[in-house]
PDB file of N, CA and C in Angstrom:
ATOM      1  N   MET A   1      20.660 -25.675  29.516  1.00  0.00           N
ATOM      2  CA  MET A   1      19.780 -25.759  29.393  1.00  0.00           C
ATOM      3  C   MET A   1      18.779 -24.979  28.509  1.00  0.00           C
ATOM      4  N   LYS A   2      19.449 -23.799  28.023  1.00  0.00           N
ATOM      5  CA  LYS A   2      18.762 -22.979  27.237  1.00  0.00           C
ATOM      6  C   LYS A   2      19.021 -23.396  25.681  1.00  0.00           C
ATOM      7  N   THR A   3      20.284 -24.016  25.575  1.00  0.00           N
ATOM      8  CA  THR A   3      20.616 -24.560  24.477  1.00  0.00           C
ATOM      9  C   THR A   3      19.414 -25.790  24.038  1.00  0.00           C
ATOM     10  N   MET A   4      19.346 -26.344  24.929  1.00  0.00           N
ATOM     11  CA  MET A   4      18.429 -27.494  24.844  1.00  0.00           C
ATOM     12  C   MET A   4      17.145 -26.854  24.641  1.00  0.00           C
ATOM     13  N   THR A   5      16.564 -26.095  25.078  1.00  0.00           N
ATOM     14  CA  THR A   5      15.128 -25.626  24.735  1.00  0.00           C
ATOM     15  C   THR A   5      15.168 -24.895  23.057  1.00  0.00           C
ATOM     16  N   VAL A   6      16.086 -23.899  22.708  1.00  0.00           N
ATOM     17  CA  VAL A   6      16.250 -23.506  21.668  1.00  0.00           C
ATOM     18  C   VAL A   6      16.616 -25.137  20.649  1.00  0.00           C
ATOM     19  N   GLY A   7      16.877 -25.841  20.962  1.00  0.00           N
ATOM     20  CA  GLY A   7      17.038 -26.845  20.038  1.00  0.00           C
ATOM     21  C   GLY A   7      15.838 -27.440  19.826  1.00  0.00           C
ATOM     22  N   LEU A   8      15.169 -27.789  20.954  1.00  0.00           N
ATOM     23  CA  LEU A   8      13.722 -28.473  20.923  1.00  0.00           C
ATOM     24  C   LEU A   8      12.680 -27.587  19.981  1.00  0.00           C
ATOM     25  N   PHE A   9      12.923 -26.390  20.188  1.00  0.00           N
ATOM     26  CA  PHE A   9      12.024 -25.531  19.692  1.00  0.00           C
ATOM     27  C   PHE A   9      12.210 -25.589  18.086  1.00  0.00           C
ATOM     28  N   LEU A  10      13.271 -25.816  17.504  1.00  0.00           N
ATOM     29  CA  LEU A  10      13.702 -25.539  16.402  1.00  0.00           C
ATOM     30  C   LEU A  10      13.277 -27.071  15.448  1.00  0.00           C
ATOM     31  N   ILE A  11      13.285 -27.934  16.348  1.00  0.00           N
ATOM     32  CA  ILE A  11      12.901 -29.264  15.948  1.00  0.00           C
ATOM     33  C   ILE A  11      11.643 -29.459  15.530  1.00  0.00           C
ATOM     34  N   ALA A  12      10.725 -28.828  16.705  1.00  0.00           N
ATOM     35  CA  ALA A  12       9.333 -28.709  16.676  1.00  0.00           C
ATOM     36  C   ALA A  12       8.831 -27.766  15.458  1.00  0.00           C
ATOM     37  N   THR A  13       9.580 -26.719  15.303  1.00  0.00           N
ATOM     38  CA  THR A  13       9.397 -25.755  14.535  1.00  0.00           C
ATOM     39  C   THR A  13       9.480 -26.611  12.894  1.00  0.00           C
ATOM     40  N   LEU A  14      10.535 -27.143  12.781  1.00  0.00           N
ATOM     41  CA  LEU A  14      10.880 -27.808  11.470  1.00  0.00           C
ATOM     42  C   LEU A  14       9.685 -28.947  11.047  1.00  0.00           C
ATOM     43  N   THR A  15       9.188 -29.759  12.143  1.00  0.00           N
ATOM     44  CA  THR A  15       8.577 -30.860  12.413  1.00  0.00           C
ATOM     45  C   THR A  15       7.181 -30.759  11.924  1.00  0.00           C
ATOM     46  N   LEU A  16       6.893 -29.246  12.517  1.00  0.00           N
ATOM     47  CA  LEU A  16       5.135 -29.079  12.644  1.00  0.00           C
ATOM     48  C   LEU A  16       4.932 -28.059  11.646  1.00  0.00           C
ATOM     49  N   ALA A  17       5.854 -27.456  10.954  1.00  0.00           N
ATOM     50  CA  ALA A  17       5.717 -26.175  10.225  1.00  0.00           C
ATOM     51  C   ALA A  17       4.714 -26.748   8.761  1.00  0.00           C
ATOM     52  N   PRO A  18       3.744 -25.941   8.618  1.00  0.00           N
ATOM     53  CA  PRO A  18       3.207 -26.371   6.972  1.00  0.00           C
ATOM     54  C   PRO A  18       3.713 -26.211   6.021  1.00  0.00           C
ATOM     55  N   ARG A  19       3.421 -27.420   4.962  1.00  0.00           N
ATOM     56  CA  ARG A  19       4.657 -27.708   3.706  1.00  0.00           C
ATOM     57  C   ARG A  19       3.298 -27.542   2.767  1.00  0.00           C
ATOM     58  N   PRO A  20       4.101 -26.900   1.542  1.00  0.00           N
ATOM     59  CA  PRO A  20       3.197 -26.867   0.243  1.00  0.00           C
ATOM     60  C   PRO A  20       2.795 -28.317  -0.022  1.00  0.00           C
ATOM     61  N   ALA A  21       1.786 -28.976  -0.227  1.00  0.00           N
ATOM     62  CA  ALA A  21       1.298 -30.045  -1.109  1.00  0.00           C
ATOM     63  C   ALA A  21       1.905 -30.134  -2.112  1.00  0.00           C
ATOM     64  N   ALA A  22       2.630 -31.449  -2.537  1.00  0.00           N
ATOM     65  CA  ALA A  22       3.114 -31.623  -3.917  1.00  0.00           C
ATOM     66  C   ALA A  22       1.661 -32.282  -4.442  1.00  0.00           C
ATOM     67  N   ALA A  23       2.141 -32.118  -6.405  1.00  0.00           N
ATOM     68  CA  ALA A  23       1.007 -32.553  -6.909  1.00  0.00           C
ATOM     69  C   ALA A  23       1.262 -34.743  -6.632  1.00  0.00           C
ATOM     70  N   HIS A  24       0.155 -35.060  -6.960  1.00  0.00           N
ATOM     71  CA  HIS A  24       0.845 -36.709  -6.866  1.00  0.00           C
ATOM     72  C   HIS A  24      -0.692 -37.015  -7.754  1.00  0.00           C
ATOM     73  N   PRO A  25      -0.577 -38.207  -8.036  1.00  0.00           N
ATOM     74  CA  PRO A  25      -1.500 -39.004  -9.036  1.00  0.00           C
ATOM     75  C   PRO A  25      -2.995 -39.333  -8.460  1.00  0.00           C
ATOM     76  N   GLY A  26      -3.708 -39.203  -9.186  1.00  0.00           N
ATOM     77  CA  GLY A  26      -4.930 -39.420  -8.765  1.00  0.00           C
ATOM     78  C   GLY A  26      -6.037 -38.162  -8.506  1.00  0.00           C
ATOM     79  N   HIS A  27      -5.159 -37.138  -8.382  1.00  0.00           N
ATOM     80  CA  HIS A  27      -5.905 -35.756  -8.029  1.00  0.00           C
ATOM     81  C   HIS A  27      -6.505 -34.878  -9.150  1.00  0.00           C
ATOM     82  N   THR A  28      -7.669 -34.282  -9.076  1.00  0.00           N
ATOM     83  CA  THR A  28      -7.879 -33.491 -10.215  1.00  0.00           C
ATOM     84  C   THR A  28      -7.527 -32.114 -10.189  1.00  0.00           C
ATOM     85  N   HIS A  29      -7.029 -31.577 -11.458  1.00  0.00           N
ATOM     86  CA  HIS A  29      -6.192 -30.303 -11.437  1.00  0.00           C
ATOM     87  C   HIS A  29      -7.022 -29.403 -12.511  1.00  0.00           C
ATOM     88  N   LYS A  30      -7.329 -28.198 -12.331  1.00  0.00           N
ATOM     89  CA  LYS A  30      -8.045 -27.403 -13.236  1.00  0.00           C
ATOM     90  C   LYS A  30      -6.728 -26.442 -13.994  1.00  0.00           C
ATOM     91  N   VAL A  31      -6.748 -26.394 -15.076  1.00  0.00           N
ATOM     92  CA  VAL A  31      -5.826 -25.641 -15.824  1.00  0.00           C
ATOM     93  C   VAL A  31      -6.368 -24.581 -16.873  1.00  0.00           C
ATOM     94  N   MET A  32      -6.144 -23.220 -16.765  1.00  0.00           N
ATOM     95  CA  MET A  32      -6.736 -22.198 -17.740  1.00  0.00           C
ATOM     96  C   MET A  32      -5.700 -21.666 -18.407  1.00  0.00           C
ATOM     97  N   GLY A  33      -6.224 -21.346 -19.753  1.00  0.00           N
ATOM     98  CA  GLY A  33      -5.379 -20.819 -21.112  1.00  0.00           C
ATOM     99  C   GLY A  33      -6.061 -21.249 -22.063  1.00  0.00           C
ATOM    100  N   THR A  34      -5.013 -20.936 -23.364  1.00  0.00           N
ATOM    101  CA  THR A  34      -5.172 -20.859 -24.534  1.00  0.00           C
ATOM    102  C   THR A  34      -4.925 -22.136 -25.262  1.00  0.00           C
ATOM    103  N   ILE A  35      -5.359 -22.875 -26.292  1.00  0.00           N
ATOM    104  CA  ILE A  35      -5.198 -24.072 -26.553  1.00  0.00           C
ATOM    105  C   ILE A  35      -4.014 -23.674 -27.921  1.00  0.00           C
ATOM    106  N   ALA A  36      -3.042 -24.461 -27.505  1.00  0.00           N
ATOM    107  CA  ALA A  36      -1.759 -24.207 -28.632  1.00  0.00           C
ATOM    108  C   ALA A  36      -1.549 -25.375 -29.481  1.00  0.00           C
ATOM    109  N   VAL A  37      -1.931 -26.700 -29.022  1.00  0.00           N
ATOM    110  CA  VAL A  37      -1.978 -27.461 -29.825  1.00  0.00           C
ATOM    111  C   VAL A  37      -2.870 -28.569 -29.577  1.00  0.00           C
ATOM    112  N   ILE A  38      -3.703 -28.971 -30.788  1.00  0.00           N
ATOM    113  CA  ILE A  38      -4.890 -29.751 -30.433  1.00  0.00           C
ATOM    114  C   ILE A  38      -4.984 -31.152 -31.580  1.00  0.00           C
ATOM    115  N   ALA A  39      -5.053 -32.133 -30.983  1.00  0.00           N
ATOM    116  CA  ALA A  39      -4.964 -33.625 -32.128  1.00  0.00           C
ATOM    117  C   ALA A  39      -6.053 -34.398 -31.196  1.00  0.00           C
ATOM    118  N   PRO A  40      -6.458 -35.501 -32.138  1.00  0.00           N
ATOM    119  CA  PRO A  40      -7.293 -36.499 -31.680  1.00  0.00           C
ATOM    120  C   PRO A  40      -7.102 -36.936 -30.240  1.00  0.00           C
ATOM    121  N   THR A  41      -5.611 -37.025 -29.857  1.00  0.00           N
ATOM    122  CA  THR A  41      -5.547 -37.887 -28.265  1.00  0.00           C
ATOM    123  C   THR A  41      -4.661 -36.802 -27.831  1.00  0.00           C
ATOM    124  N   ARG A  42      -4.256 -35.446 -28.292  1.00  0.00           N
ATOM    125  CA  ARG A  42      -3.410 -34.812 -27.209  1.00  0.00           C
ATOM    126  C   ARG A  42      -4.034 -33.032 -27.251  1.00  0.00           C
ATOM    127  N   LEU A  43      -3.728 -32.393 -26.264  1.00  0.00           N
ATOM    128  CA  LEU A  43      -3.935 -31.238 -26.070  1.00  0.00           C
ATOM    129  C   LEU A  43      -2.866 -30.370 -25.491  1.00  0.00           C
ATOM    130  N   GLU A  44      -2.261 -29.402 -25.956  1.00  0.00           N
ATOM    131  CA  GLU A  44      -1.832 -28.387 -25.201  1.00  0.00           C
ATOM    132  C   GLU A  44      -2.050 -26.979 -25.001  1.00  0.00           C
ATOM    133  N   VAL A  45      -2.113 -26.492 -23.580  1.00  0.00           N
ATOM    134  CA  VAL A  45      -2.615 -25.517 -23.516  1.00  0.00           C
ATOM    135  C   VAL A  45      -1.153 -24.344 -22.644  1.00  0.00           C
ATOM    136  N   VAL A  46      -1.372 -23.358 -23.038  1.00  0.00           N
ATOM    137  CA  VAL A  46      -0.622 -22.015 -22.741  1.00  0.00           C
ATOM    138  C   VAL A  46      -1.169 -21.209 -21.884  1.00  0.00           C
ATOM    139  N   ASP A  47      -0.744 -21.122 -20.293  1.00  0.00           N
ATOM    140  CA  ASP A  47      -1.271 -20.108 -19.431  1.00  0.00           C
ATOM    141  C   ASP A  47      -0.697 -18.784 -19.681  1.00  0.00           C
ATOM    142  N   THR A  48      -1.189 -17.951 -18.899  1.00  0.00           N
ATOM    143  CA  THR A  48      -0.867 -16.263 -19.127  1.00  0.00           C
ATOM    144  C   THR A  48       0.477 -16.282 -18.778  1.00  0.00           C
ATOM    145  N   ALA A  49       1.217 -17.078 -18.281  1.00  0.00           N
ATOM    146  CA  ALA A  49       2.625 -16.609 -17.916  1.00  0.00           C
ATOM    147  C   ALA A  49       3.264 -17.279 -18.759  1.00  0.00           C
ATOM    148  N   GLY A  50       2.881 -18.166 -19.882  1.00  0.00           N
ATOM    149  CA  GLY A  50       3.582 -18.889 -20.895  1.00  0.00           C
ATOM    150  C   GLY A  50       3.989 -20.265 -20.669  1.00  0.00           C
ATOM    151  N   ALA A  51       3.797 -20.856 -19.464  1.00  0.00           N
ATOM    152  CA  ALA A  51       3.699 -22.186 -19.016  1.00  0.00           C
ATOM    153  C   ALA A  51       3.142 -22.992 -19.928  1.00  0.00           C
ATOM    154  N   LYS A  52       3.859 -24.088 -20.421  1.00  0.00           N
ATOM    155  CA  LYS A  52       2.628 -25.095 -21.448  1.00  0.00           C
ATOM    156  C   LYS A  52       2.446 -26.302 -20.475  1.00  0.00           C
ATOM    157  N   SER A  53       0.817 -26.794 -20.570  1.00  0.00           N
ATOM    158  CA  SER A  53       0.674 -27.836 -20.032  1.00  0.00           C
ATOM    159  C   SER A  53       0.236 -28.994 -21.234  1.00  0.00           C
ATOM    160  N   ALA A  54       0.478 -30.117 -20.988  1.00  0.00           N
ATOM    161  CA  ALA A  54      -0.009 -31.236 -21.963  1.00  0.00           C
ATOM    162  C   ALA A  54      -0.870 -32.264 -21.343  1.00  0.00           C
ATOM    163  N   PHE A  55      -1.956 -32.621 -22.215  1.00  0.00           N
ATOM    164  CA  PHE A  55      -2.811 -33.494 -21.908  1.00  0.00           C
ATOM    165  C   PHE A  55      -3.273 -34.457 -22.789  1.00  0.00           C
ATOM    166  N   ALA A  56      -3.632 -35.891 -22.188  1.00  0.00           N
ATOM    167  CA  ALA A  56      -3.775 -36.966 -23.232  1.00  0.00           C
ATOM    168  C   ALA A  56      -5.330 -36.616 -23.398  1.00  0.00           C
ATOM    169  N   MET A  57      -5.960 -36.735 -24.331  1.00  0.00           N
ATOM    170  CA  MET A  57      -7.039 -37.174 -24.750  1.00  0.00           C
ATOM    171  C   MET A  57      -7.748 -38.421 -24.886  1.00  0.00           C
ATOM    172  N   THR A  58      -8.663 -38.983 -23.931  1.00  0.00           N
ATOM    173  CA  THR A  58      -9.345 -40.046 -24.154  1.00  0.00           C
ATOM    174  C   THR A  58     -10.537 -39.949 -24.811  1.00  0.00           C
ATOM    175  N   LYS A  59     -11.085 -41.274 -24.815  1.00  0.00           N
ATOM    176  CA  LYS A  59     -12.699 -41.626 -25.502  1.00  0.00           C
ATOM    177  C   LYS A  59     -13.543 -40.935 -24.052  1.00  0.00           C
ATOM    178  N   ASP A  60     -12.732 -41.124 -23.291  1.00  0.00           N
ATOM    179  CA  ASP A  60     -13.517 -40.546 -22.204  1.00  0.00           C
ATOM    180  C   ASP A  60     -14.064 -38.940 -21.551  1.00  0.00           C
ATOM    181  N   THR A  61     -12.845 -38.163 -22.366  1.00  0.00           N
ATOM    182  CA  THR A  61     -12.816 -36.989 -22.306  1.00  0.00           C
ATOM    183  C   THR A  61     -13.913 -36.195 -22.661  1.00  0.00           C
ATOM    184  N   LYS A  62     -14.697 -35.283 -21.917  1.00  0.00           N
ATOM    185  CA  LYS A  62     -15.896 -34.570 -22.119  1.00  0.00           C
ATOM    186  C   LYS A  62     -15.425 -33.402 -22.487  1.00  0.00           C
ATOM    187  N   VAL A  63     -16.011 -32.662 -23.868  1.00  0.00           N
ATOM    188  CA  VAL A  63     -15.922 -31.608 -24.461  1.00  0.00           C
ATOM    189  C   VAL A  63     -17.047 -30.898 -24.018  1.00  0.00           C
ATOM    190  N   VAL A  64     -17.128 -29.591 -23.348  1.00  0.00           N
ATOM    191  CA  VAL A  64     -18.245 -28.618 -23.195  1.00  0.00           C
ATOM    192  C   VAL A  64     -18.271 -27.199 -23.860  1.00  0.00           C
ATOM    193  N   ILE A  65     -19.314 -26.993 -24.525  1.00  0.00           N
ATOM    194  CA  ILE A  65     -19.181 -25.249 -24.710  1.00  0.00           C
ATOM    195  C   ILE A  65     -20.054 -24.907 -24.054  1.00  0.00           C
ATOM    196  N   GLY A  66     -19.937 -23.826 -22.836  1.00  0.00           N
ATOM    197  CA  GLY A  66     -20.965 -23.579 -22.204  1.00  0.00           C
ATOM    198  C   GLY A  66     -21.277 -24.237 -20.934  1.00  0.00           C
ATOM    199  N   THR A  67     -22.669 -24.982 -21.378  1.00  0.00           N
ATOM    200  CA  THR A  67     -23.078 -26.140 -20.571  1.00  0.00           C
ATOM    201  C   THR A  67     -23.624 -27.414 -21.681  1.00  0.00           C
ATOM    202  N   ASP A  68     -23.168 -26.897 -22.853  1.00  0.00           N
ATOM    203  CA  ASP A  68     -23.733 -27.890 -24.006  1.00  0.00           C
ATOM    204  C   ASP A  68     -22.302 -28.668 -24.158  1.00  0.00           C
ATOM    205  N   PRO A  69     -22.822 -29.960 -24.845  1.00  0.00           N
ATOM    206  CA  PRO A  69     -22.068 -30.965 -25.124  1.00  0.00           C
ATOM    207  C   PRO A  69     -21.486 -30.401 -25.936  1.00  0.00           C
ATOM    208  N   ALA A  70     -20.184 -30.572 -26.666  1.00  0.00           N
ATOM    209  CA  ALA A  70     -19.312 -30.413 -27.811  1.00  0.00           C
ATOM    210  C   ALA A  70     -18.613 -31.867 -28.258  1.00  0.00           C
ATOM    211  N   THR A  71     -17.424 -31.465 -28.947  1.00  0.00           N
ATOM    212  CA  THR A  71     -16.815 -32.330 -29.806  1.00  0.00           C
ATOM    213  C   THR A  71     -15.373 -32.089 -29.826  1.00  0.00           C
ATOM    214  N   VAL A  72     -14.375 -32.638 -29.877  1.00  0.00           N
ATOM    215  CA  VAL A  72     -12.885 -32.288 -30.125  1.00  0.00           C
ATOM    216  C   VAL A  72     -12.843 -31.723 -31.401  1.00  0.00           C
ATOM    217  N   ALA A  73     -13.459 -31.832 -32.377  1.00  0.00           N
ATOM    218  CA  ALA A  73     -13.765 -30.909 -33.581  1.00  0.00           C
ATOM    219  C   ALA A  73     -14.028 -29.602 -33.153  1.00  0.00           C
ATOM    220  N   ASP A  74     -14.585 -28.905 -32.178  1.00  0.00           N
ATOM    221  CA  ASP A  74     -15.195 -27.788 -31.779  1.00  0.00           C
ATOM    222  C   ASP A  74     -13.838 -27.140 -31.198  1.00  0.00           C
ATOM    223  N   ILE A  75     -13.079 -27.836 -30.785  1.00  0.00           N
ATOM    224  CA  ILE A  75     -11.788 -27.060 -30.212  1.00  0.00           C
ATOM    225  C   ILE A  75     -10.789 -26.536 -31.192  1.00  0.00           C
ATOM    226  N   LYS A  76     -10.485 -25.470 -31.426  1.00  0.00           N
ATOM    227  CA  LYS A  76      -9.623 -25.033 -32.117  1.00  0.00           C
ATOM    228  C   LYS A  76      -8.643 -24.066 -31.436  1.00  0.00           C
ATOM    229  N   ILE A  77      -7.239 -23.859 -32.087  1.00  0.00           N
ATOM    230  CA  ILE A  77      -6.315 -23.286 -31.668  1.00  0.00           C
ATOM    231  C   ILE A  77      -6.715 -21.822 -31.605  1.00  0.00           C
ATOM    232  N   GLY A  78      -5.602 -21.167 -30.273  1.00  0.00           N
ATOM    233  CA  GLY A  78      -6.094 -19.812 -30.184  1.00  0.00           C
ATOM    234  C   GLY A  78      -7.664 -19.817 -28.917  1.00  0.00           C
ATOM    235  N   MET A  79      -8.299 -20.941 -28.835  1.00  0.00           N
ATOM    236  CA  MET A  79      -9.511 -20.854 -27.938  1.00  0.00           C
ATOM    237  C   MET A  79      -9.048 -20.817 -26.356  1.00  0.00           C
ATOM    238  N   ARG A  80      -9.692 -19.873 -25.500  1.00  0.00           N
ATOM    239  CA  ARG A  80      -9.614 -19.818 -23.975  1.00  0.00           C
ATOM    240  C   ARG A  80     -10.391 -21.362 -23.732  1.00  0.00           C
ATOM    241  N   VAL A  81      -9.513 -22.020 -22.852  1.00  0.00           N
ATOM    242  CA  VAL A  81     -10.494 -23.344 -21.915  1.00  0.00           C
ATOM    243  C   VAL A  81      -9.999 -23.238 -20.649  1.00  0.00           C
ATOM    244  N   VAL A  82     -10.869 -23.912 -20.026  1.00  0.00           N
ATOM    245  CA  VAL A  82     -10.433 -24.667 -18.620  1.00  0.00           C
ATOM    246  C   VAL A  82     -10.292 -26.089 -18.830  1.00  0.00           C
ATOM    247  N   VAL A  83      -9.286 -26.849 -18.561  1.00  0.00           N
ATOM    248  CA  VAL A  83      -9.077 -28.584 -18.439  1.00  0.00           C
ATOM    249  C   VAL A  83      -9.329 -28.836 -17.241  1.00  0.00           C
ATOM    250  N   GLU A  84      -9.889 -29.595 -16.759  1.00  0.00           N
ATOM    251  CA  GLU A  84      -9.975 -30.630 -15.836  1.00  0.00           C
ATOM    252  C   GLU A  84      -9.337 -31.919 -15.948  1.00  0.00           C
ATOM    253  N   ALA A  85      -8.120 -31.646 -15.264  1.00  0.00           N
ATOM    254  CA  ALA A  85      -7.505 -33.043 -15.613  1.00  0.00           C
ATOM    255  C   ALA A  85      -6.772 -34.174 -14.237  1.00  0.00           C
ATOM    256  N   ILE A  86      -6.912 -35.099 -14.555  1.00  0.00           N
ATOM    257  CA  ILE A  86      -6.362 -35.847 -13.318  1.00  0.00           C
ATOM    258  C   ILE A  86      -4.898 -36.214 -13.486  1.00  0.00           C
ATOM    259  N   GLU A  87      -3.949 -36.164 -12.854  1.00  0.00           N
ATOM    260  CA  GLU A  87      -2.702 -36.579 -12.926  1.00  0.00           C
ATOM    261  C   GLU A  87      -2.387 -38.219 -13.050  1.00  0.00           C
ATOM    262  N   LEU A  88      -1.687 -38.476 -13.864  1.00  0.00           N
ATOM    263  CA  LEU A  88      -1.573 -40.342 -13.870  1.00  0.00           C
ATOM    264  C   LEU A  88       0.052 -40.677 -13.009  1.00  0.00           C
ATOM    265  N   ALA A  89      -0.028 -41.613 -12.708  1.00  0.00           N
ATOM    266  CA  ALA A  89       0.923 -42.149 -11.854  1.00  0.00           C
ATOM    267  C   ALA A  89       2.336 -41.787 -12.765  1.00  0.00           C
ATOM    268  N   ASP A  90       2.340 -41.891 -14.072  1.00  0.00           N
ATOM    269  CA  ASP A  90       3.690 -41.578 -14.551  1.00  0.00           C
ATOM    270  C   ASP A  90       3.952 -40.022 -14.866  1.00  0.00           C
ATOM    271  N   GLY A  91       3.198 -39.322 -14.355  1.00  0.00           N
ATOM    272  CA  GLY A  91       3.362 -37.775 -14.180  1.00  0.00           C
ATOM    273  C   GLY A  91       2.918 -37.123 -15.224  1.00  0.00           C
ATOM    274  N   LYS A  92       2.586 -37.966 -16.441  1.00  0.00           N
ATOM    275  CA  LYS A  92       1.454 -37.320 -17.535  1.00  0.00           C
ATOM    276  C   LYS A  92       0.086 -36.837 -16.888  1.00  0.00           C
ATOM    277  N   ALA A  93      -0.715 -36.003 -17.439  1.00  0.00           N
ATOM    278  CA  ALA A  93      -2.108 -35.584 -17.164  1.00  0.00           C
ATOM    279  C   ALA A  93      -3.139 -36.128 -18.334  1.00  0.00           C
ATOM    280  N   GLU A  94      -4.164 -36.606 -17.889  1.00  0.00           N
ATOM    281  CA  GLU A  94      -5.462 -36.949 -18.794  1.00  0.00           C
ATOM    282  C   GLU A  94      -6.475 -35.945 -18.588  1.00  0.00           C
ATOM    283  N   ALA A  95      -6.603 -35.324 -19.512  1.00  0.00           N
ATOM    284  CA  ALA A  95      -8.006 -34.373 -19.611  1.00  0.00           C
ATOM    285  C   ALA A  95      -9.391 -35.155 -19.295  1.00  0.00           C
ATOM    286  N   LYS A  96      -9.926 -34.863 -18.395  1.00  0.00           N
ATOM    287  CA  LYS A  96     -11.257 -35.134 -17.871  1.00  0.00           C
ATOM    288  C   LYS A  96     -12.440 -34.691 -18.478  1.00  0.00           C
ATOM    289  N   VAL A  97     -12.248 -33.130 -18.619  1.00  0.00           N
ATOM    290  CA  VAL A  97     -13.484 -32.090 -19.063  1.00  0.00           C
ATOM    291  C   VAL A  97     -12.686 -30.914 -19.880  1.00  0.00           C
ATOM    292  N   VAL A  98     -12.931 -30.642 -21.015  1.00  0.00           N
ATOM    293  CA  VAL A  98     -12.559 -29.681 -21.611  1.00  0.00           C
ATOM    294  C   VAL A  98     -13.329 -28.627 -21.522  1.00  0.00           C
ATOM    295  N   ARG A  99     -13.658 -27.653 -21.132  1.00  0.00           N
ATOM    296  CA  ARG A  99     -14.675 -26.595 -21.052  1.00  0.00           C
ATOM    297  C   ARG A  99     -14.166 -25.307 -21.997  1.00  0.00           C
ATOM    298  N   LEU A 100     -15.182 -25.125 -22.767  1.00  0.00           N
ATOM    299  CA  LEU A 100     -15.092 -24.049 -23.929  1.00  0.00           C
ATOM    300  C   LEU A 100     -15.790 -23.141 -23.676  1.00  0.00           C
ATOM    301  N   PRO A 101     -15.704 -21.711 -23.747  1.00  0.00           N
ATOM    302  CA  PRO A 101     -16.768 -20.409 -23.564  1.00  0.00           C
ATOM    303  C   PRO A 101     -17.941 -20.706 -24.155  1.00  0.00           C
ATOM    304  N   ALA A 102     -19.040 -20.319 -23.856  1.00  0.00           N
ATOM    305  CA  ALA A 102     -20.437 -20.319 -24.261  1.00  0.00           C
ATOM    306  C   ALA A 102     -20.378 -19.595 -25.626  1.00  0.00           C
ATOM    307  N   ARG A 103     -21.172 -20.105 -26.378  1.00  0.00           N
ATOM    308  CA  ARG A 103     -21.321 -19.293 -27.640  1.00  0.00           C
ATOM    309  C   ARG A 103     -22.157 -17.916 -27.814  1.00  0.00           C
ATOM    310  N   PRO A 104     -21.957 -16.811 -28.098  1.00  0.00           N
ATOM    311  CA  PRO A 104     -22.678 -15.519 -28.002  1.00  0.00           C
ATOM    312  C   PRO A 104     -24.046 -15.949 -28.604  1.00  0.00           C
ATOM    313  N   LYS A 105     -24.968 -15.400 -27.980  1.00  0.00           N
ATOM    314  CA  LYS A 105     -26.515 -15.788 -27.956  1.00  0.00           C
ATOM    315  C   LYS A 105     -26.939 -14.378 -29.109  1.00  0.00           C
TER     316      LYS A 105
END
């Protein structure tokens, strides 16, 4: 009887234990870091741990400086950014919004 109770406890624990959520297509992710590569259709960001993230840039990608609209031409290598991106079905990511720091007044 004790063996069966322990077995049921283990099964319940493994079945009901919380698991980390895996990234999957269609969800928005935010990445903060520094611009490493900028091209009209591609952006690479390096975070503080040194991990690189690549994003496709499309005609629908919005670029903002602070709260003001901007363009891809305003993005420079070495700038700090926050990228809001959506993961695509093929495992790649598409930048929806690229946020640059506000200009000093």
